[in-house]
Amino acid sequence: MAGGRAYHAAMLPWGTPSRPAAAAIAVAGPIERAVLAIAAARRAALFRRRPRRGPHQRLVESDVLMEQVERCRLEECPLVPGGVFAEVVQLLAAVDPALRQRLGSNRHPDHVAALLFETQAGLMESARRRRDGRPAEIVQLFPG
């Protein structure tokens, strides 16, 4: 350790206490920079990727959105923030286009919460139907 610095400090993506991550990236070699760039691209791709979601995953997503809308109601915000509203629009459009039409451009928290409740009711019913499925066929062990 020359000068109190670890040998591999330049390779750490998070830097060291004396050097922030940006400084670590600036000094890193070409392979380390490529590895860090690939990791950053993968992290960014997670947010762009929209996997196909079933009723249970959409129900979890609607719970998160409902929490954010309820927070807006508690803080007496006049409108739901644009980012939250965009996620609500995507969820409603994926679940039921008629609910998306009813939402319109009204960003009032009470209106958005009411439609999210309806969406959750539909998603819960869909998840129950998917979980229950159709009854299994009964196989007789001893015909007779």
C-alpha atoms as a PDB file:
ATOM      1  CA  MET A   1       0.000   0.000   0.000  1.00  0.00           C
ATOM      2  CA  ALA A   2       1.765   3.059  -1.220  1.00  0.00           C
ATOM      3  CA  GLY A   3       0.473   6.297   0.270  1.00  0.00           C
ATOM      4  CA  GLY A   4      -2.219   4.538   2.340  1.00  0.00           C
ATOM      5  CA  ARG A   5      -4.191   3.479  -0.739  1.00  0.00           C
ATOM      6  CA  ALA A   6      -5.228  -0.068  -1.514  1.00  0.00           C
ATOM      7  CA  TYR A   7      -3.834  -1.616  -4.681  1.00  0.00           C
ATOM      8  CA  HIS A   8      -7.266  -2.318  -6.203  1.00  0.00           C
ATOM      9  CA  ALA A   9      -8.905   1.004  -5.222  1.00  0.00           C
ATOM     10  CA  ALA A  10      -9.149   2.099  -8.863  1.00  0.00           C
ATOM     11  CA  MET A  11     -11.151  -1.029  -9.716  1.00  0.00           C
ATOM     12  CA  LEU A  12     -13.837  -0.484  -7.091  1.00  0.00           C
ATOM     13  CA  PRO A  13     -17.012   0.825  -8.749  1.00  0.00           C
ATOM     14  CA  TRP A  14     -18.028   2.647  -5.574  1.00  0.00           C
ATOM     15  CA  GLY A  15     -14.665   4.304  -4.967  1.00  0.00           C
ATOM     16  CA  THR A  16     -13.009   4.582  -1.569  1.00  0.00           C
ATOM     17  CA  PRO A  17     -13.635   6.899   1.368  1.00  0.00           C
ATOM     18  CA  SER A  18     -11.005   9.297   0.077  1.00  0.00           C
ATOM     19  CA  ARG A  19     -12.054   9.048  -3.605  1.00  0.00           C
ATOM     20  CA  PRO A  20     -15.631   9.108  -4.913  1.00  0.00           C
ATOM     21  CA  ALA A  21     -16.808   6.644  -7.565  1.00  0.00           C
ATOM     22  CA  ALA A  22     -16.395   9.188 -10.369  1.00  0.00           C
ATOM     23  CA  ALA A  23     -12.712   9.519  -9.522  1.00  0.00           C
ATOM     24  CA  ALA A  24     -12.366   5.733  -9.386  1.00  0.00           C
ATOM     25  CA  ILE A  25     -13.864   5.456 -12.881  1.00  0.00           C
ATOM     26  CA  ALA A  26     -11.637   8.212 -14.240  1.00  0.00           C
ATOM     27  CA  VAL A  27      -8.479   6.402 -13.094  1.00  0.00           C
ATOM     28  CA  ALA A  28      -9.639   2.853 -13.859  1.00  0.00           C
ATOM     29  CA  GLY A  29      -8.063   0.987 -16.718  1.00  0.00           C
ATOM     30  CA  PRO A  30      -9.898   0.230 -19.977  1.00  0.00           C
ATOM     31  CA  ILE A  31     -11.129  -3.202 -18.854  1.00  0.00           C
ATOM     32  CA  GLU A  32     -12.458  -1.842 -15.568  1.00  0.00           C
ATOM     33  CA  ARG A  33     -14.178   1.035 -17.391  1.00  0.00           C
ATOM     34  CA  ALA A  34     -15.777  -1.448 -19.805  1.00  0.00           C
ATOM     35  CA  VAL A  35     -16.992  -3.625 -16.924  1.00  0.00           C
ATOM     36  CA  LEU A  36     -18.446  -0.584 -15.159  1.00  0.00           C
ATOM     37  CA  ALA A  37     -20.106   0.620 -18.371  1.00  0.00           C
ATOM     38  CA  ILE A  38     -21.692  -2.803 -18.940  1.00  0.00           C
ATOM     39  CA  ALA A  39     -22.964  -2.898 -15.344  1.00  0.00           C
ATOM     40  CA  ALA A  40     -24.442   0.590 -15.727  1.00  0.00           C
ATOM     41  CA  ALA A  41     -26.116  -0.403 -19.000  1.00  0.00           C
ATOM     42  CA  ARG A  42     -27.625  -3.495 -17.373  1.00  0.00           C
ATOM     43  CA  ARG A  43     -28.978  -1.422 -14.484  1.00  0.00           C
ATOM     44  CA  ALA A  44     -30.497   1.057 -16.933  1.00  0.00           C
ATOM     45  CA  ALA A  45     -31.998  -1.774 -19.013  1.00  0.00           C
ATOM     46  CA  LEU A  46     -33.888  -3.046 -15.970  1.00  0.00           C
ATOM     47  CA  PHE A  47     -35.938   0.134 -15.981  1.00  0.00           C
ATOM     48  CA  ARG A  48     -36.581   0.079 -19.732  1.00  0.00           C
ATOM     49  CA  ARG A  49     -37.570  -3.559 -19.864  1.00  0.00           C
ATOM     50  CA  ARG A  50     -41.269  -4.294 -19.396  1.00  0.00           C
ATOM     51  CA  PRO A  51     -41.673  -8.020 -18.870  1.00  0.00           C
ATOM     52  CA  ARG A  52     -45.054  -9.609 -19.335  1.00  0.00           C
ATOM     53  CA  ARG A  53     -46.800  -9.398 -16.005  1.00  0.00           C
ATOM     54  CA  GLY A  54     -49.475 -11.649 -14.585  1.00  0.00           C
ATOM     55  CA  PRO A  55     -52.294 -10.556 -12.284  1.00  0.00           C
ATOM     56  CA  HIS A  56     -50.242 -11.029  -9.131  1.00  0.00           C
ATOM     57  CA  GLN A  57     -47.347  -8.840 -10.321  1.00  0.00           C
ATOM     58  CA  ARG A  58     -49.782  -6.172 -11.496  1.00  0.00           C
ATOM     59  CA  LEU A  59     -51.554  -6.324  -8.148  1.00  0.00           C
ATOM     60  CA  VAL A  60     -48.241  -5.671  -6.389  1.00  0.00           C
ATOM     61  CA  GLU A  61     -47.588  -2.774  -8.776  1.00  0.00           C
ATOM     62  CA  SER A  62     -51.062  -1.352  -8.118  1.00  0.00           C
ATOM     63  CA  ASP A  63     -50.411  -1.563  -4.350  1.00  0.00           C
ATOM     64  CA  VAL A  64     -47.271   0.523  -4.742  1.00  0.00           C
ATOM     65  CA  LEU A  65     -49.119   3.056  -6.881  1.00  0.00           C
ATOM     66  CA  MET A  66     -52.016   3.160  -4.434  1.00  0.00           C
ATOM     67  CA  GLU A  67     -49.592   3.917  -1.615  1.00  0.00           C
ATOM     68  CA  GLN A  68     -48.154   6.828  -3.595  1.00  0.00           C
ATOM     69  CA  VAL A  69     -51.622   8.177  -4.424  1.00  0.00           C
ATOM     70  CA  GLU A  70     -52.690   7.843  -0.778  1.00  0.00           C
ATOM     71  CA  ARG A  71     -49.601   9.785   0.244  1.00  0.00           C
ATOM     72  CA  CYS A  72     -50.710  12.534  -2.149  1.00  0.00           C
ATOM     73  CA  ARG A  73     -54.147  12.508  -0.524  1.00  0.00           C
ATOM     74  CA  LEU A  74     -52.664  12.749   2.992  1.00  0.00           C
ATOM     75  CA  GLU A  75     -50.389  15.607   1.986  1.00  0.00           C
ATOM     76  CA  GLU A  76     -53.388  17.296   0.301  1.00  0.00           C
ATOM     77  CA  CYS A  77     -51.669  17.565  -3.071  1.00  0.00           C
ATOM     78  CA  PRO A  78     -54.026  18.992  -5.681  1.00  0.00           C
ATOM     79  CA  LEU A  79     -52.728  16.614  -8.385  1.00  0.00           C
ATOM     80  CA  VAL A  80     -50.982  13.259  -8.567  1.00  0.00           C
ATOM     81  CA  PRO A  81     -47.361  13.792  -9.721  1.00  0.00           C
ATOM     82  CA  GLY A  82     -46.742  13.221 -13.420  1.00  0.00           C
ATOM     83  CA  GLY A  83     -44.460  10.201 -12.984  1.00  0.00           C
ATOM     84  CA  VAL A  84     -46.945   8.396 -10.744  1.00  0.00           C
ATOM     85  CA  PHE A  85     -49.814   9.306 -13.067  1.00  0.00           C
ATOM     86  CA  ALA A  86     -47.909   7.916 -16.068  1.00  0.00           C
ATOM     87  CA  GLU A  87     -47.445   4.588 -14.247  1.00  0.00           C
ATOM     88  CA  VAL A  88     -51.158   4.546 -13.341  1.00  0.00           C
ATOM     89  CA  VAL A  89     -52.055   5.167 -16.989  1.00  0.00           C
ATOM     90  CA  GLN A  90     -49.838   2.278 -18.132  1.00  0.00           C
ATOM     91  CA  LEU A  91     -51.296  -0.069 -15.528  1.00  0.00           C
ATOM     92  CA  LEU A  92     -54.915   0.817 -16.332  1.00  0.00           C
ATOM     93  CA  ALA A  93     -54.320   0.533 -20.076  1.00  0.00           C
ATOM     94  CA  ALA A  94     -52.781  -2.911 -19.624  1.00  0.00           C
ATOM     95  CA  VAL A  95     -55.532  -4.178 -17.319  1.00  0.00           C
ATOM     96  CA  ASP A  96     -58.683  -2.605 -18.760  1.00  0.00           C
ATOM     97  CA  PRO A  97     -58.763  -0.009 -21.560  1.00  0.00           C
ATOM     98  CA  ALA A  98     -62.238   1.119 -20.412  1.00  0.00           C
ATOM     99  CA  LEU A  99     -60.768   2.151 -17.045  1.00  0.00           C
ATOM    100  CA  ARG A 100     -58.037   4.015 -18.894  1.00  0.00           C
ATOM    101  CA  GLN A 101     -60.706   5.911 -20.822  1.00  0.00           C
ATOM    102  CA  ARG A 102     -62.534   6.766 -17.597  1.00  0.00           C
ATOM    103  CA  LEU A 103     -59.301   8.055 -16.090  1.00  0.00           C
ATOM    104  CA  GLY A 104     -58.845  10.581 -18.880  1.00  0.00           C
ATOM    105  CA  SER A 105     -56.471  13.372 -17.902  1.00  0.00           C
ATOM    106  CA  ASN A 106     -57.966  13.938 -14.436  1.00  0.00           C
ATOM    107  CA  ARG A 107     -55.033  13.754 -12.008  1.00  0.00           C
ATOM    108  CA  HIS A 108     -57.035  14.454  -8.844  1.00  0.00           C
ATOM    109  CA  PRO A 109     -55.932  11.954  -6.161  1.00  0.00           C
ATOM    110  CA  ASP A 110     -59.512  10.908  -5.238  1.00  0.00           C
ATOM    111  CA  HIS A 111     -60.374  10.107  -8.855  1.00  0.00           C
ATOM    112  CA  VAL A 112     -57.126   8.201  -9.452  1.00  0.00           C
ATOM    113  CA  ALA A 113     -57.532   6.257  -6.178  1.00  0.00           C
ATOM    114  CA  ALA A 114     -61.108   5.235  -7.036  1.00  0.00           C
ATOM    115  CA  LEU A 115     -60.022   3.814 -10.397  1.00  0.00           C
ATOM    116  CA  LEU A 116     -57.044   2.061  -8.810  1.00  0.00           C
ATOM    117  CA  PHE A 117     -59.462   0.419  -6.347  1.00  0.00           C
ATOM    118  CA  GLU A 118     -61.553  -0.845  -9.264  1.00  0.00           C
ATOM    119  CA  THR A 119     -58.415  -2.091 -10.979  1.00  0.00           C
ATOM    120  CA  GLN A 120     -57.319  -3.917  -7.842  1.00  0.00           C
ATOM    121  CA  ALA A 121     -60.727  -5.577  -7.516  1.00  0.00           C
ATOM    122  CA  GLY A 122     -60.457  -6.872 -11.088  1.00  0.00           C
ATOM    123  CA  LEU A 123     -56.872  -8.006 -10.563  1.00  0.00           C
ATOM    124  CA  MET A 124     -57.775  -9.866  -7.367  1.00  0.00           C
ATOM    125  CA  GLU A 125     -60.590 -11.686  -9.161  1.00  0.00           C
ATOM    126  CA  SER A 126     -58.281 -12.495 -12.067  1.00  0.00           C
ATOM    127  CA  ALA A 127     -55.580 -13.781  -9.708  1.00  0.00           C
ATOM    128  CA  ARG A 128     -58.145 -15.945  -7.902  1.00  0.00           C
ATOM    129  CA  ARG A 129     -59.415 -17.413 -11.187  1.00  0.00           C
ATOM    130  CA  ARG A 130     -55.874 -18.047 -12.361  1.00  0.00           C
ATOM    131  CA  ARG A 131     -54.911 -19.690  -9.070  1.00  0.00           C
ATOM    132  CA  ASP A 132     -58.031 -21.861  -8.866  1.00  0.00           C
ATOM    133  CA  GLY A 133     -58.068 -22.828 -12.519  1.00  0.00           C
ATOM    134  CA  ARG A 134     -60.413 -25.565 -13.551  1.00  0.00           C
ATOM    135  CA  PRO A 135     -61.033 -28.594 -11.383  1.00  0.00           C
ATOM    136  CA  ALA A 136     -58.760 -31.541 -11.910  1.00  0.00           C
ATOM    137  CA  GLU A 137     -60.112 -34.577 -13.672  1.00  0.00           C
ATOM    138  CA  ILE A 138     -60.975 -37.381 -11.265  1.00  0.00           C
ATOM    139  CA  VAL A 139     -59.356 -40.658 -12.171  1.00  0.00           C
ATOM    140  CA  GLN A 140     -61.156 -43.709 -10.837  1.00  0.00           C
ATOM    141  CA  LEU A 141     -58.761 -46.225  -9.351  1.00  0.00           C
ATOM    142  CA  PHE A 142     -61.279 -49.033  -9.254  1.00  0.00           C
ATOM    143  CA  PRO A 143     -63.825 -48.772 -12.057  1.00  0.00           C
ATOM    144  CA  GLY A 144     -67.119 -50.157 -11.187  1.00  0.00           C
END
